[in-house]
Structures are given as C-alpha cells and as structure tokens.
Amino acid sequence: LVIAWPAGNPAKELEKLKQFGVPIYYSTTGTLEDIANNIEQLSQYSDDPSKGQKAARDFREGLTALKAKYNTTEKVRYFYQLSEKPIITVAGKNWPSEVFNFCGGENVFANTAAPYPQVSIEQVITRQPEVLFTSRHAMSDDGMWAQWKNELPALRNNHVWSLNSDWINRPTPRTLNAIIEV
C-alpha cells in the first residue's frame, strides 16, 4: 500500500505503481475531521479495521473535549512559520489553521489564496501578529526575527512559541497534542 497526497506526489510515478498493481490510498486532509476520516479509511487495509475505527472515534472524542476546554471568544492575531528559507506559512481554512482556532487564533494570512504561501518578512510585519509560532524544524537561525523586535507586537511582547513540528505539521492523532501545546 502506498499512501499518496494528490497535491504532493508526482502523478506519473503513482500511475506506474498502479500499473504494477500496487494499491494507492489518496489521503486528503483539509480539516481536523479529515484526520479521523483518513484513519477510518486506512484501517480498511489492516488486519483489524476495528482498531482504526476506535482510533478515529478516540480522536473525535478528543477534539470534542478540547473544543469544550479551550473554547474562547477572545481573538489573538498569529503568524505560523512553517519554514525559514523561504518563509512559508499556513493560510485559509485547513487543518493546521483549525488547531490555532481552538484557542482563539486569528491567522494573519487567512485570506491568502494559496493554502501554504511563501511570504516575506515585510508581509509579516505589515500584518502585525500578536503571537509568532514556529518550530525548531522551521527555524535554524534563532536570531532571524531579532532585528524586527520593535516592528512586531509578537516580538516586543515576547510572544514567540516554538511548537513540536511532529505534532503540528503532520495530520495524525498526535494533532490533539498540538492543540494542547498551542
């Protein structure tokens, strides 16, 4: 079984695998609910699909509990940096943005057309985020933002948080840990 992402894997190569009879599961994760859906669908390829059904149910129950726990009307404008060179962020309505929304996060690049746009430092400064999220994976240069300390509320107020990239960048049951961390 090959797990593929429609927007991330070369179609030609997947077609070759299909010709050899290799089963391909196309995983699309646009929302947090899709994580549970993928678990359920992938479980059909296992020896015991009931384990996947239980994992999906546990994930949904965890989401419900976290929504109740972290429900807030107070909004905080944030920027999430996925990579440093180039600077890539998350935009629009997708599962990583939902993670931040749990805690009242308001994505400063929410209205950008591309789901994972490349942005400039100037664009980040213009949007004035109150919180900056990143990860060790995304930032090799800890001083990258230092020169902009007076320009960004997130930096002036020391609201820069490094997240576990294994939890926040991969649509798995560990995404619940990312919600708690945020």
N, C-alpha and C. Protein backbone atom coordinates (compact mmCIF):
# COMPACT_ATOMS: atom_id res chain seq x y z
N LEU A 1 0.85 -1.18 0.00
CA LEU A 1 0.00 0.00 0.00
C LEU A 1 0.89 1.24 0.00
N VAL A 2 0.57 2.17 -0.88
CA VAL A 2 1.25 3.46 -0.92
C VAL A 2 0.24 4.51 -0.50
N ILE A 3 0.64 5.33 0.45
CA ILE A 3 -0.20 6.46 0.86
C ILE A 3 0.32 7.68 0.11
N ALA A 4 -0.57 8.31 -0.66
CA ALA A 4 -0.16 9.44 -1.50
C ALA A 4 -1.00 10.66 -1.20
N TRP A 5 -0.43 11.81 -1.51
CA TRP A 5 -1.13 13.08 -1.37
C TRP A 5 -1.34 13.63 -2.78
N PRO A 6 -2.57 13.85 -3.19
CA PRO A 6 -2.85 14.30 -4.56
C PRO A 6 -2.05 15.53 -4.99
N ALA A 7 -1.83 16.46 -4.09
CA ALA A 7 -1.11 17.68 -4.45
C ALA A 7 0.39 17.56 -4.19
N GLY A 8 0.83 16.45 -3.62
CA GLY A 8 2.23 16.37 -3.21
C GLY A 8 3.04 15.27 -3.86
N ASN A 9 2.41 14.36 -4.58
CA ASN A 9 3.14 13.27 -5.22
C ASN A 9 2.99 13.35 -6.74
N PRO A 10 4.07 13.04 -7.46
CA PRO A 10 4.00 13.09 -8.93
C PRO A 10 3.02 12.05 -9.48
N ALA A 11 2.07 12.51 -10.25
CA ALA A 11 1.02 11.64 -10.81
C ALA A 11 1.61 10.55 -11.69
N LYS A 12 2.67 10.86 -12.45
CA LYS A 12 3.29 9.86 -13.33
C LYS A 12 3.81 8.67 -12.54
N GLU A 13 4.47 8.95 -11.44
CA GLU A 13 5.04 7.88 -10.62
C GLU A 13 3.95 7.03 -9.98
N LEU A 14 2.89 7.68 -9.53
CA LEU A 14 1.79 6.93 -8.93
C LEU A 14 1.11 6.06 -9.98
N GLU A 15 1.00 6.56 -11.19
CA GLU A 15 0.40 5.78 -12.27
C GLU A 15 1.22 4.53 -12.56
N LYS A 16 2.54 4.66 -12.53
CA LYS A 16 3.42 3.49 -12.73
C LYS A 16 3.18 2.45 -11.64
N LEU A 17 3.08 2.91 -10.40
CA LEU A 17 2.83 1.98 -9.30
C LEU A 17 1.51 1.26 -9.49
N LYS A 18 0.50 1.99 -9.93
CA LYS A 18 -0.82 1.38 -10.20
C LYS A 18 -0.71 0.29 -11.25
N GLN A 19 0.09 0.54 -12.28
CA GLN A 19 0.27 -0.44 -13.36
C GLN A 19 0.89 -1.73 -12.83
N PHE A 20 1.68 -1.63 -11.77
CA PHE A 20 2.27 -2.81 -11.15
C PHE A 20 1.34 -3.47 -10.14
N GLY A 21 0.15 -2.92 -10.00
CA GLY A 21 -0.83 -3.50 -9.09
C GLY A 21 -0.68 -3.06 -7.64
N VAL A 22 0.11 -2.04 -7.40
CA VAL A 22 0.29 -1.54 -6.03
C VAL A 22 -0.94 -0.71 -5.65
N PRO A 23 -1.59 -1.07 -4.55
CA PRO A 23 -2.75 -0.26 -4.13
C PRO A 23 -2.29 1.11 -3.62
N ILE A 24 -3.05 2.14 -3.99
CA ILE A 24 -2.71 3.51 -3.59
C ILE A 24 -3.90 4.11 -2.86
N TYR A 25 -3.62 4.65 -1.69
CA TYR A 25 -4.64 5.37 -0.93
C TYR A 25 -4.29 6.85 -1.03
N TYR A 26 -5.22 7.64 -1.56
CA TYR A 26 -5.02 9.09 -1.68
C TYR A 26 -5.56 9.77 -0.43
N SER A 27 -4.65 10.31 0.34
CA SER A 27 -5.01 10.98 1.59
C SER A 27 -5.14 12.47 1.35
N THR A 28 -6.30 13.01 1.67
CA THR A 28 -6.53 14.44 1.59
C THR A 28 -6.98 14.92 2.96
N THR A 29 -6.23 15.83 3.53
CA THR A 29 -6.58 16.34 4.85
C THR A 29 -6.77 17.84 4.77
N GLY A 30 -8.03 18.25 4.70
CA GLY A 30 -8.35 19.67 4.66
C GLY A 30 -8.82 20.19 6.00
N THR A 31 -9.34 19.28 6.83
CA THR A 31 -9.89 19.67 8.14
C THR A 31 -9.43 18.68 9.20
N LEU A 32 -9.65 19.03 10.44
CA LEU A 32 -9.33 18.10 11.53
C LEU A 32 -10.19 16.84 11.43
N GLU A 33 -11.43 16.99 11.01
CA GLU A 33 -12.31 15.83 10.84
C GLU A 33 -11.74 14.87 9.80
N ASP A 34 -11.06 15.39 8.79
CA ASP A 34 -10.45 14.53 7.77
C ASP A 34 -9.38 13.62 8.36
N ILE A 35 -8.75 14.03 9.44
CA ILE A 35 -7.76 13.16 10.09
C ILE A 35 -8.46 11.88 10.55
N ALA A 36 -9.59 12.03 11.22
CA ALA A 36 -10.35 10.86 11.67
C ALA A 36 -10.84 10.05 10.48
N ASN A 37 -11.31 10.72 9.44
CA ASN A 37 -11.79 10.02 8.24
C ASN A 37 -10.68 9.20 7.60
N ASN A 38 -9.47 9.76 7.51
CA ASN A 38 -8.34 9.03 6.94
C ASN A 38 -7.98 7.81 7.78
N ILE A 39 -8.03 7.95 9.10
CA ILE A 39 -7.74 6.81 9.97
C ILE A 39 -8.74 5.70 9.70
N GLU A 40 -10.01 6.05 9.62
CA GLU A 40 -11.05 5.05 9.35
C GLU A 40 -10.83 4.37 8.00
N GLN A 41 -10.56 5.16 6.99
CA GLN A 41 -10.40 4.59 5.65
C GLN A 41 -9.14 3.74 5.55
N LEU A 42 -8.05 4.20 6.15
CA LEU A 42 -6.81 3.42 6.13
C LEU A 42 -6.95 2.12 6.92
N SER A 43 -7.78 2.13 7.94
CA SER A 43 -7.95 0.93 8.76
C SER A 43 -8.53 -0.23 7.94
N GLN A 44 -9.19 0.09 6.84
CA GLN A 44 -9.76 -0.96 5.99
C GLN A 44 -8.67 -1.80 5.31
N TYR A 45 -7.45 -1.31 5.29
CA TYR A 45 -6.33 -2.05 4.70
C TYR A 45 -5.61 -2.91 5.75
N SER A 46 -6.02 -2.83 6.99
CA SER A 46 -5.34 -3.55 8.07
C SER A 46 -6.02 -4.89 8.35
N ASP A 47 -5.34 -5.69 9.16
CA ASP A 47 -5.91 -6.98 9.56
C ASP A 47 -7.07 -6.81 10.52
N ASP A 48 -7.08 -5.70 11.25
CA ASP A 48 -8.15 -5.47 12.23
C ASP A 48 -8.67 -4.03 12.11
N PRO A 49 -9.61 -3.80 11.19
CA PRO A 49 -10.15 -2.45 10.99
C PRO A 49 -10.78 -1.84 12.25
N SER A 50 -11.18 -2.68 13.20
CA SER A 50 -11.82 -2.14 14.40
C SER A 50 -10.85 -1.26 15.20
N LYS A 51 -9.55 -1.53 15.12
CA LYS A 51 -8.56 -0.70 15.82
C LYS A 51 -8.53 0.71 15.23
N GLY A 52 -8.62 0.79 13.92
CA GLY A 52 -8.65 2.10 13.27
C GLY A 52 -9.94 2.83 13.57
N GLN A 53 -11.05 2.10 13.62
CA GLN A 53 -12.34 2.71 13.95
C GLN A 53 -12.28 3.29 15.36
N LYS A 54 -11.67 2.54 16.28
CA LYS A 54 -11.54 3.03 17.66
C LYS A 54 -10.62 4.26 17.72
N ALA A 55 -9.52 4.22 16.98
CA ALA A 55 -8.60 5.37 16.97
C ALA A 55 -9.29 6.61 16.42
N ALA A 56 -10.10 6.45 15.38
CA ALA A 56 -10.83 7.59 14.81
C ALA A 56 -11.86 8.12 15.80
N ARG A 57 -12.55 7.21 16.47
CA ARG A 57 -13.54 7.61 17.48
C ARG A 57 -12.86 8.34 18.64
N ASP A 58 -11.73 7.81 19.10
CA ASP A 58 -10.97 8.46 20.18
C ASP A 58 -10.51 9.86 19.76
N PHE A 59 -10.08 9.99 18.51
CA PHE A 59 -9.65 11.30 18.01
C PHE A 59 -10.82 12.28 18.02
N ARG A 60 -11.97 11.85 17.53
CA ARG A 60 -13.15 12.74 17.51
C ARG A 60 -13.57 13.13 18.92
N GLU A 61 -13.53 12.17 19.84
CA GLU A 61 -13.89 12.47 21.23
C GLU A 61 -12.88 13.45 21.83
N GLY A 62 -11.60 13.28 21.50
CA GLY A 62 -10.58 14.20 21.98
C GLY A 62 -10.81 15.61 21.45
N LEU A 63 -11.18 15.72 20.17
CA LEU A 63 -11.49 17.04 19.59
C LEU A 63 -12.65 17.70 20.32
N THR A 64 -13.69 16.92 20.58
CA THR A 64 -14.86 17.46 21.26
C THR A 64 -14.49 17.97 22.65
N ALA A 65 -13.69 17.19 23.37
CA ALA A 65 -13.27 17.59 24.72
C ALA A 65 -12.41 18.86 24.67
N LEU A 66 -11.51 18.93 23.71
CA LEU A 66 -10.65 20.11 23.61
C LEU A 66 -11.43 21.35 23.18
N LYS A 67 -12.42 21.18 22.32
CA LYS A 67 -13.26 22.32 21.94
C LYS A 67 -13.96 22.89 23.16
N ALA A 68 -14.44 22.02 24.02
CA ALA A 68 -15.12 22.47 25.24
C ALA A 68 -14.13 23.15 26.18
N LYS A 69 -12.93 22.60 26.29
CA LYS A 69 -11.94 23.12 27.23
C LYS A 69 -11.36 24.46 26.78
N TYR A 70 -11.06 24.59 25.50
CA TYR A 70 -10.36 25.78 25.02
C TYR A 70 -11.24 26.77 24.27
N ASN A 71 -12.54 26.60 24.34
CA ASN A 71 -13.46 27.50 23.65
C ASN A 71 -13.31 28.91 24.20
N THR A 72 -13.05 29.86 23.32
CA THR A 72 -12.87 31.25 23.75
C THR A 72 -13.37 32.18 22.66
N THR A 73 -13.86 33.33 23.07
CA THR A 73 -14.28 34.34 22.10
C THR A 73 -13.18 35.38 21.91
N GLU A 74 -12.19 35.36 22.79
CA GLU A 74 -11.07 36.30 22.69
C GLU A 74 -10.18 35.90 21.51
N LYS A 75 -9.94 36.81 20.60
CA LYS A 75 -9.14 36.53 19.40
C LYS A 75 -7.72 37.05 19.56
N VAL A 76 -6.77 36.29 19.03
CA VAL A 76 -5.36 36.65 19.05
C VAL A 76 -4.83 36.48 17.63
N ARG A 77 -4.27 37.56 17.09
CA ARG A 77 -3.72 37.50 15.73
C ARG A 77 -2.35 36.81 15.77
N TYR A 78 -2.21 35.75 14.94
CA TYR A 78 -0.97 34.98 14.97
C TYR A 78 -0.39 34.78 13.57
N PHE A 79 0.90 34.47 13.56
CA PHE A 79 1.61 34.05 12.36
C PHE A 79 2.27 32.73 12.67
N TYR A 80 2.08 31.73 11.80
CA TYR A 80 2.73 30.44 11.98
C TYR A 80 3.75 30.24 10.86
N GLN A 81 5.01 30.11 11.23
CA GLN A 81 6.10 29.94 10.29
C GLN A 81 6.41 28.46 10.12
N LEU A 82 6.13 27.93 8.93
CA LEU A 82 6.41 26.53 8.63
C LEU A 82 7.87 26.30 8.24
N SER A 83 8.44 27.26 7.53
CA SER A 83 9.85 27.15 7.15
C SER A 83 10.49 28.53 7.11
N GLU A 84 11.82 28.52 7.11
CA GLU A 84 12.57 29.77 7.20
C GLU A 84 13.04 30.30 5.85
N LYS A 85 13.61 29.44 5.03
CA LYS A 85 14.16 29.87 3.74
C LYS A 85 13.62 28.96 2.65
N PRO A 86 12.59 29.34 1.99
CA PRO A 86 11.82 30.57 2.09
C PRO A 86 10.86 30.52 3.28
N ILE A 87 10.34 31.68 3.66
CA ILE A 87 9.34 31.73 4.73
C ILE A 87 8.02 31.24 4.16
N ILE A 88 7.53 30.15 4.72
CA ILE A 88 6.25 29.57 4.29
C ILE A 88 5.35 29.51 5.51
N THR A 89 4.08 29.80 5.30
CA THR A 89 3.10 29.79 6.38
C THR A 89 1.88 28.98 5.96
N VAL A 90 0.93 28.93 6.84
CA VAL A 90 -0.35 28.27 6.59
C VAL A 90 -1.39 29.36 6.41
N ALA A 91 -2.26 29.18 5.43
CA ALA A 91 -3.31 30.18 5.19
C ALA A 91 -4.65 29.48 5.03
N GLY A 92 -5.69 30.28 4.97
CA GLY A 92 -7.01 29.75 4.65
C GLY A 92 -7.58 28.79 5.66
N LYS A 93 -8.51 28.01 5.15
CA LYS A 93 -9.22 27.05 6.01
C LYS A 93 -8.64 25.67 5.77
N ASN A 94 -7.80 25.24 6.67
CA ASN A 94 -7.22 23.90 6.60
C ASN A 94 -6.95 23.42 8.02
N TRP A 95 -6.56 22.19 8.14
CA TRP A 95 -6.44 21.61 9.48
C TRP A 95 -5.41 22.31 10.37
N PRO A 96 -4.23 22.75 9.88
CA PRO A 96 -3.34 23.45 10.82
C PRO A 96 -3.96 24.74 11.36
N SER A 97 -4.69 25.47 10.51
CA SER A 97 -5.34 26.69 10.98
C SER A 97 -6.39 26.37 12.04
N GLU A 98 -7.08 25.24 11.88
CA GLU A 98 -8.08 24.83 12.87
C GLU A 98 -7.45 24.62 14.24
N VAL A 99 -6.22 24.10 14.25
CA VAL A 99 -5.52 23.88 15.53
C VAL A 99 -5.41 25.20 16.29
N PHE A 100 -4.99 26.25 15.60
CA PHE A 100 -4.83 27.56 16.25
C PHE A 100 -6.18 28.19 16.58
N ASN A 101 -7.19 27.92 15.76
CA ASN A 101 -8.52 28.47 16.01
C ASN A 101 -9.12 27.97 17.32
N PHE A 102 -8.72 26.78 17.76
CA PHE A 102 -9.23 26.24 19.02
C PHE A 102 -9.02 27.22 20.16
N CYS A 103 -7.90 27.93 20.12
CA CYS A 103 -7.54 28.83 21.22
C CYS A 103 -7.76 30.29 20.86
N GLY A 104 -8.63 30.54 19.92
CA GLY A 104 -8.94 31.92 19.55
C GLY A 104 -7.97 32.53 18.56
N GLY A 105 -7.17 31.70 17.92
CA GLY A 105 -6.21 32.21 16.95
C GLY A 105 -6.88 32.77 15.71
N GLU A 106 -6.37 33.90 15.27
CA GLU A 106 -6.84 34.54 14.03
C GLU A 106 -5.62 34.68 13.11
N ASN A 107 -5.58 33.86 12.08
CA ASN A 107 -4.44 33.78 11.18
C ASN A 107 -4.29 35.07 10.37
N VAL A 108 -3.12 35.70 10.45
CA VAL A 108 -2.91 36.97 9.73
C VAL A 108 -2.82 36.76 8.22
N PHE A 109 -2.67 35.51 7.78
CA PHE A 109 -2.65 35.19 6.35
C PHE A 109 -3.86 34.34 5.94
N ALA A 110 -4.93 34.41 6.70
CA ALA A 110 -6.11 33.58 6.45
C ALA A 110 -6.71 33.79 5.07
N ASN A 111 -6.65 34.99 4.55
CA ASN A 111 -7.30 35.29 3.27
C ASN A 111 -6.40 35.11 2.06
N THR A 112 -5.23 34.56 2.26
CA THR A 112 -4.32 34.31 1.15
C THR A 112 -4.84 33.12 0.34
N ALA A 113 -4.79 33.23 -0.98
CA ALA A 113 -5.37 32.20 -1.85
C ALA A 113 -4.65 30.85 -1.75
N ALA A 114 -3.33 30.85 -1.74
CA ALA A 114 -2.58 29.59 -1.67
C ALA A 114 -2.70 29.01 -0.27
N PRO A 115 -2.87 27.69 -0.15
CA PRO A 115 -3.01 27.09 1.19
C PRO A 115 -1.74 27.19 2.04
N TYR A 116 -0.56 27.16 1.40
CA TYR A 116 0.71 27.25 2.11
C TYR A 116 1.60 28.26 1.37
N PRO A 117 1.31 29.56 1.54
CA PRO A 117 2.01 30.57 0.75
C PRO A 117 3.42 30.86 1.25
N GLN A 118 4.26 31.25 0.29
CA GLN A 118 5.57 31.80 0.61
C GLN A 118 5.35 33.29 0.85
N VAL A 119 5.86 33.79 1.98
CA VAL A 119 5.65 35.20 2.33
C VAL A 119 6.99 35.86 2.65
N SER A 120 6.98 37.16 2.69
CA SER A 120 8.20 37.91 3.03
C SER A 120 8.11 38.42 4.46
N ILE A 121 9.25 38.78 5.00
CA ILE A 121 9.28 39.38 6.34
C ILE A 121 8.43 40.64 6.35
N GLU A 122 8.49 41.41 5.27
CA GLU A 122 7.72 42.66 5.18
C GLU A 122 6.22 42.39 5.26
N GLN A 123 5.77 41.31 4.62
CA GLN A 123 4.35 40.97 4.69
C GLN A 123 3.94 40.61 6.12
N VAL A 124 4.82 39.91 6.82
CA VAL A 124 4.53 39.56 8.21
C VAL A 124 4.45 40.83 9.05
N ILE A 125 5.40 41.72 8.87
CA ILE A 125 5.42 42.98 9.64
C ILE A 125 4.15 43.78 9.38
N THR A 126 3.75 43.87 8.13
CA THR A 126 2.54 44.63 7.77
C THR A 126 1.30 44.10 8.48
N ARG A 127 1.25 42.79 8.70
CA ARG A 127 0.06 42.18 9.32
C ARG A 127 0.07 42.22 10.84
N GLN A 128 1.19 42.60 11.45
CA GLN A 128 1.29 42.85 12.89
C GLN A 128 0.74 41.71 13.77
N PRO A 129 1.28 40.50 13.66
CA PRO A 129 0.80 39.42 14.53
C PRO A 129 1.14 39.67 16.00
N GLU A 130 0.23 39.26 16.86
CA GLU A 130 0.43 39.38 18.31
C GLU A 130 1.22 38.20 18.86
N VAL A 131 1.17 37.08 18.13
CA VAL A 131 1.90 35.87 18.52
C VAL A 131 2.57 35.30 17.28
N LEU A 132 3.79 34.80 17.46
CA LEU A 132 4.51 34.14 16.38
C LEU A 132 4.78 32.71 16.81
N PHE A 133 4.29 31.76 16.02
CA PHE A 133 4.54 30.34 16.27
C PHE A 133 5.53 29.83 15.24
N THR A 134 6.44 28.99 15.68
CA THR A 134 7.39 28.36 14.78
C THR A 134 7.77 27.01 15.39
N SER A 135 8.80 26.38 14.86
CA SER A 135 9.30 25.13 15.44
C SER A 135 10.80 25.07 15.18
N ARG A 136 11.49 24.19 15.87
CA ARG A 136 12.93 24.05 15.64
C ARG A 136 13.18 23.64 14.19
N HIS A 137 12.26 22.84 13.67
CA HIS A 137 12.35 22.38 12.28
C HIS A 137 12.28 23.57 11.32
N ALA A 138 11.51 24.59 11.67
CA ALA A 138 11.25 25.72 10.78
C ALA A 138 12.29 26.83 10.89
N MET A 139 13.05 26.85 11.97
CA MET A 139 13.95 27.97 12.18
C MET A 139 15.33 27.49 12.61
N SER A 140 16.30 27.61 11.71
CA SER A 140 17.67 27.24 12.08
C SER A 140 18.41 28.44 12.66
N ASP A 141 17.92 29.63 12.34
CA ASP A 141 18.55 30.87 12.80
C ASP A 141 17.67 31.50 13.88
N ASP A 142 18.02 31.29 15.14
CA ASP A 142 17.22 31.83 16.24
C ASP A 142 17.12 33.35 16.20
N GLY A 143 18.06 34.01 15.55
CA GLY A 143 18.05 35.46 15.51
C GLY A 143 17.34 36.03 14.29
N MET A 144 16.69 35.19 13.53
CA MET A 144 16.05 35.62 12.29
C MET A 144 15.14 36.83 12.48
N TRP A 145 14.39 36.83 13.55
CA TRP A 145 13.41 37.89 13.79
C TRP A 145 13.95 39.00 14.69
N ALA A 146 15.14 38.83 15.25
CA ALA A 146 15.66 39.76 16.26
C ALA A 146 15.67 41.22 15.80
N GLN A 147 16.06 41.46 14.57
CA GLN A 147 16.15 42.85 14.10
C GLN A 147 14.78 43.51 13.94
N TRP A 148 13.72 42.73 14.02
CA TRP A 148 12.36 43.26 13.84
C TRP A 148 11.62 43.39 15.16
N LYS A 149 12.35 43.28 16.27
CA LYS A 149 11.72 43.30 17.59
C LYS A 149 10.83 44.51 17.81
N ASN A 150 11.24 45.68 17.35
CA ASN A 150 10.44 46.89 17.56
C ASN A 150 9.28 47.01 16.57
N GLU A 151 9.29 46.18 15.54
CA GLU A 151 8.27 46.27 14.49
C GLU A 151 7.07 45.35 14.72
N LEU A 152 7.26 44.27 15.45
CA LEU A 152 6.21 43.27 15.61
C LEU A 152 5.74 43.15 17.06
N PRO A 153 4.43 43.26 17.30
CA PRO A 153 3.91 43.09 18.66
C PRO A 153 4.32 41.75 19.28
N ALA A 154 4.33 40.68 18.48
CA ALA A 154 4.69 39.36 18.99
C ALA A 154 6.10 39.37 19.58
N LEU A 155 7.01 40.05 18.94
CA LEU A 155 8.39 40.10 19.41
C LEU A 155 8.56 41.07 20.57
N ARG A 156 7.93 42.23 20.47
CA ARG A 156 8.01 43.22 21.56
C ARG A 156 7.51 42.63 22.88
N ASN A 157 6.46 41.83 22.79
CA ASN A 157 5.84 41.26 24.00
C ASN A 157 6.34 39.86 24.33
N ASN A 158 7.38 39.44 23.62
CA ASN A 158 7.98 38.13 23.85
C ASN A 158 6.97 36.98 23.70
N HIS A 159 6.11 37.08 22.70
CA HIS A 159 5.11 36.05 22.43
C HIS A 159 5.52 35.24 21.20
N VAL A 160 6.65 34.56 21.33
CA VAL A 160 7.17 33.69 20.28
C VAL A 160 7.25 32.29 20.87
N TRP A 161 6.57 31.35 20.22
CA TRP A 161 6.48 30.00 20.76
C TRP A 161 6.96 28.99 19.74
N SER A 162 7.84 28.10 20.18
CA SER A 162 8.33 27.02 19.33
C SER A 162 7.50 25.77 19.61
N LEU A 163 6.86 25.25 18.57
CA LEU A 163 5.97 24.10 18.71
C LEU A 163 6.66 22.81 18.26
N ASN A 164 6.14 21.70 18.72
CA ASN A 164 6.63 20.39 18.30
C ASN A 164 6.15 20.13 16.87
N SER A 165 7.07 20.15 15.91
CA SER A 165 6.68 20.02 14.50
C SER A 165 6.09 18.64 14.19
N ASP A 166 6.45 17.61 14.95
CA ASP A 166 5.84 16.30 14.73
C ASP A 166 4.35 16.32 15.03
N TRP A 167 3.93 17.17 15.93
CA TRP A 167 2.51 17.26 16.29
C TRP A 167 1.74 18.21 15.38
N ILE A 168 2.34 19.36 15.05
CA ILE A 168 1.60 20.41 14.34
C ILE A 168 1.68 20.27 12.82
N ASN A 169 2.70 19.62 12.29
CA ASN A 169 2.88 19.56 10.84
C ASN A 169 2.42 18.26 10.20
N ARG A 170 1.96 17.32 10.99
CA ARG A 170 1.54 16.03 10.44
C ARG A 170 0.11 15.73 10.89
N PRO A 171 -0.78 15.45 9.94
CA PRO A 171 -2.19 15.19 10.30
C PRO A 171 -2.39 13.78 10.84
N THR A 172 -2.10 13.61 12.12
CA THR A 172 -2.21 12.32 12.79
C THR A 172 -2.96 12.52 14.11
N PRO A 173 -3.23 11.43 14.84
CA PRO A 173 -3.87 11.60 16.16
C PRO A 173 -3.06 12.50 17.11
N ARG A 174 -1.76 12.62 16.88
CA ARG A 174 -0.93 13.49 17.73
C ARG A 174 -1.26 14.97 17.54
N THR A 175 -2.09 15.28 16.56
CA THR A 175 -2.53 16.66 16.36
C THR A 175 -3.26 17.16 17.61
N LEU A 176 -3.87 16.25 18.36
CA LEU A 176 -4.51 16.65 19.63
C LEU A 176 -3.47 17.25 20.57
N ASN A 177 -2.27 16.68 20.57
CA ASN A 177 -1.18 17.23 21.40
C ASN A 177 -0.82 18.64 20.95
N ALA A 178 -0.88 18.89 19.65
CA ALA A 178 -0.58 20.23 19.13
C ALA A 178 -1.59 21.24 19.64
N ILE A 179 -2.86 20.84 19.68
CA ILE A 179 -3.91 21.75 20.19
C ILE A 179 -3.62 22.10 21.64
N ILE A 180 -3.26 21.11 22.43
CA ILE A 180 -2.95 21.34 23.84
C ILE A 180 -1.72 22.25 23.97
N GLU A 181 -0.70 22.00 23.14
CA GLU A 181 0.52 22.80 23.19
C GLU A 181 0.26 24.26 22.83
N VAL A 182 -0.58 24.50 21.83
CA VAL A 182 -0.91 25.87 21.43
C VAL A 182 -1.69 26.54 22.54
